[in-house]
Amino acid sequence: MKNRINIGIVLFLVFLVLKLTGNINISWFWVTSPIWIPFILTISIILCLIITISIMISVGLVDPNELRDKIKDIRKNKKDGINDNSGNNP
């Protein structure tokens, strides 16, 4: 794993130092926002995907058994180390 610094953590630390030194006058809600906003966005995207797939299954656009088989294939390929790149790589 590469050692990368997360931009959200850097922004939080900058806001924290500025808030504690009195250089900015914003609420603690916004000081901590670089930490919780990505979490909320990730949860929102996951919920939207779950709702969309549920609607597609209930309407009949997707067969649940076929979807389950595709997920199993993806997991098996990932476990076996097979990378399915559909691009035109030479």
C-alpha atoms as a PDB file:
ATOM      1  CA  MET A   1       0.000   0.000   0.000  1.00  0.00           C
ATOM      2  CA  LYS A   2       1.323   3.391  -0.948  1.00  0.00           C
ATOM      3  CA  ASN A   3       1.799   6.035   1.695  1.00  0.00           C
ATOM      4  CA  ARG A   4      -0.478   8.787   0.492  1.00  0.00           C
ATOM      5  CA  ILE A   5      -1.854  11.638   2.527  1.00  0.00           C
ATOM      6  CA  ASN A   6      -5.616  11.986   2.309  1.00  0.00           C
ATOM      7  CA  ILE A   7      -6.690  15.491   1.205  1.00  0.00           C
ATOM      8  CA  GLY A   8      -9.614  15.343   3.659  1.00  0.00           C
ATOM      9  CA  ILE A   9      -7.296  14.758   6.614  1.00  0.00           C
ATOM     10  CA  VAL A  10      -4.998  17.568   5.459  1.00  0.00           C
ATOM     11  CA  LEU A  11      -7.955  19.968   5.151  1.00  0.00           C
ATOM     12  CA  PHE A  12      -9.226  18.918   8.574  1.00  0.00           C
ATOM     13  CA  LEU A  13      -5.816  19.547  10.147  1.00  0.00           C
ATOM     14  CA  VAL A  14      -5.530  22.944   8.444  1.00  0.00           C
ATOM     15  CA  PHE A  15      -9.030  23.950   9.588  1.00  0.00           C
ATOM     16  CA  LEU A  16      -8.311  22.620  13.089  1.00  0.00           C
ATOM     17  CA  VAL A  17      -5.089  24.604  13.465  1.00  0.00           C
ATOM     18  CA  LEU A  18      -6.712  27.752  12.083  1.00  0.00           C
ATOM     19  CA  LYS A  19      -9.721  27.340  14.391  1.00  0.00           C
ATOM     20  CA  LEU A  20      -7.620  26.676  17.503  1.00  0.00           C
ATOM     21  CA  THR A  21      -5.332  29.637  16.795  1.00  0.00           C
ATOM     22  CA  GLY A  22      -8.337  31.922  16.226  1.00  0.00           C
ATOM     23  CA  ASN A  23      -7.507  32.746  12.610  1.00  0.00           C
ATOM     24  CA  ILE A  24     -10.888  31.596  11.304  1.00  0.00           C
ATOM     25  CA  ASN A  25     -14.293  31.943  12.844  1.00  0.00           C
ATOM     26  CA  ILE A  26     -16.275  28.996  11.486  1.00  0.00           C
ATOM     27  CA  SER A  27     -18.291  26.424  13.396  1.00  0.00           C
ATOM     28  CA  TRP A  28     -16.866  23.075  14.449  1.00  0.00           C
ATOM     29  CA  PHE A  29     -19.400  21.508  12.091  1.00  0.00           C
ATOM     30  CA  TRP A  30     -17.444  22.864   9.098  1.00  0.00           C
ATOM     31  CA  VAL A  31     -14.055  22.248  10.697  1.00  0.00           C
ATOM     32  CA  THR A  32     -14.844  18.529  10.864  1.00  0.00           C
ATOM     33  CA  SER A  33     -16.623  18.419   7.483  1.00  0.00           C
ATOM     34  CA  PRO A  34     -13.593  17.139   5.498  1.00  0.00           C
ATOM     35  CA  ILE A  35     -13.820  13.976   7.608  1.00  0.00           C
ATOM     36  CA  TRP A  36     -17.554  13.237   7.490  1.00  0.00           C
ATOM     37  CA  ILE A  37     -18.579  14.533   4.029  1.00  0.00           C
ATOM     38  CA  PRO A  38     -16.769  11.735   2.095  1.00  0.00           C
ATOM     39  CA  PHE A  39     -18.341   9.164   4.436  1.00  0.00           C
ATOM     40  CA  ILE A  40     -21.836  10.579   3.862  1.00  0.00           C
ATOM     41  CA  LEU A  41     -21.289  10.686   0.083  1.00  0.00           C
ATOM     42  CA  THR A  42     -20.110   7.067   0.030  1.00  0.00           C
ATOM     43  CA  ILE A  43     -23.104   5.884   2.061  1.00  0.00           C
ATOM     44  CA  SER A  44     -25.444   7.904  -0.194  1.00  0.00           C
ATOM     45  CA  ILE A  45     -24.020   6.346  -3.361  1.00  0.00           C
ATOM     46  CA  ILE A  46     -24.297   2.832  -1.906  1.00  0.00           C
ATOM     47  CA  LEU A  47     -27.917   3.474  -0.864  1.00  0.00           C
ATOM     48  CA  CYS A  48     -28.776   4.823  -4.336  1.00  0.00           C
ATOM     49  CA  LEU A  49     -27.291   1.703  -5.930  1.00  0.00           C
ATOM     50  CA  ILE A  50     -29.224  -0.589  -3.575  1.00  0.00           C
ATOM     51  CA  ILE A  51     -32.480   1.273  -4.248  1.00  0.00           C
ATOM     52  CA  THR A  52     -31.893   1.267  -8.023  1.00  0.00           C
ATOM     53  CA  ILE A  53     -31.117  -2.457  -8.121  1.00  0.00           C
ATOM     54  CA  SER A  54     -34.133  -3.212  -5.898  1.00  0.00           C
ATOM     55  CA  ILE A  55     -36.434  -1.255  -8.213  1.00  0.00           C
ATOM     56  CA  MET A  56     -34.968  -2.964 -11.276  1.00  0.00           C
ATOM     57  CA  ILE A  57     -35.542  -6.386  -9.700  1.00  0.00           C
ATOM     58  CA  SER A  58     -39.105  -5.561  -8.605  1.00  0.00           C
ATOM     59  CA  VAL A  59     -40.043  -4.216 -12.047  1.00  0.00           C
ATOM     60  CA  GLY A  60     -38.531  -7.257 -13.720  1.00  0.00           C
ATOM     61  CA  LEU A  61     -35.698  -5.583 -15.597  1.00  0.00           C
ATOM     62  CA  VAL A  62     -33.119  -7.757 -13.838  1.00  0.00           C
ATOM     63  CA  ASP A  63     -33.327 -11.432 -12.936  1.00  0.00           C
ATOM     64  CA  PRO A  64     -32.104 -11.872  -9.333  1.00  0.00           C
ATOM     65  CA  ASN A  65     -30.630 -15.305 -10.099  1.00  0.00           C
ATOM     66  CA  GLU A  66     -28.689 -13.928 -13.061  1.00  0.00           C
ATOM     67  CA  LEU A  67     -27.446 -11.024 -10.949  1.00  0.00           C
ATOM     68  CA  ARG A  68     -26.326 -13.402  -8.195  1.00  0.00           C
ATOM     69  CA  ASP A  69     -24.461 -15.539 -10.750  1.00  0.00           C
ATOM     70  CA  LYS A  70     -22.674 -12.469 -12.144  1.00  0.00           C
ATOM     71  CA  ILE A  71     -21.618 -11.406  -8.640  1.00  0.00           C
ATOM     72  CA  LYS A  72     -20.310 -14.927  -7.960  1.00  0.00           C
ATOM     73  CA  ASP A  73     -18.319 -14.820 -11.215  1.00  0.00           C
ATOM     74  CA  ILE A  74     -16.824 -11.453 -10.319  1.00  0.00           C
ATOM     75  CA  ARG A  75     -15.823 -12.705  -6.861  1.00  0.00           C
ATOM     76  CA  LYS A  76     -14.336 -15.889  -8.323  1.00  0.00           C
ATOM     77  CA  ASN A  77     -12.350 -13.946 -10.928  1.00  0.00           C
ATOM     78  CA  LYS A  78     -11.107 -11.532  -8.283  1.00  0.00           C
ATOM     79  CA  LYS A  79     -10.115 -14.425  -6.021  1.00  0.00           C
ATOM     80  CA  ASP A  80      -8.302 -16.158  -8.901  1.00  0.00           C
ATOM     81  CA  GLY A  81      -6.555 -12.921  -9.854  1.00  0.00           C
ATOM     82  CA  ILE A  82      -8.226 -12.647 -13.251  1.00  0.00           C
ATOM     83  CA  ASN A  83      -8.576  -9.051 -14.364  1.00  0.00           C
ATOM     84  CA  ASP A  84     -11.303  -8.523 -16.961  1.00  0.00           C
ATOM     85  CA  ASN A  85     -10.279  -5.362 -18.775  1.00  0.00           C
ATOM     86  CA  SER A  86     -12.553  -4.833 -21.740  1.00  0.00           C
ATOM     87  CA  GLY A  87     -10.271  -2.177 -23.211  1.00  0.00           C
ATOM     88  CA  ASN A  88      -8.158  -2.647 -26.295  1.00  0.00           C
ATOM     89  CA  ASN A  89      -4.882  -3.317 -24.557  1.00  0.00           C
ATOM     90  CA  PRO A  90      -2.214  -4.813 -26.845  1.00  0.00           C
END
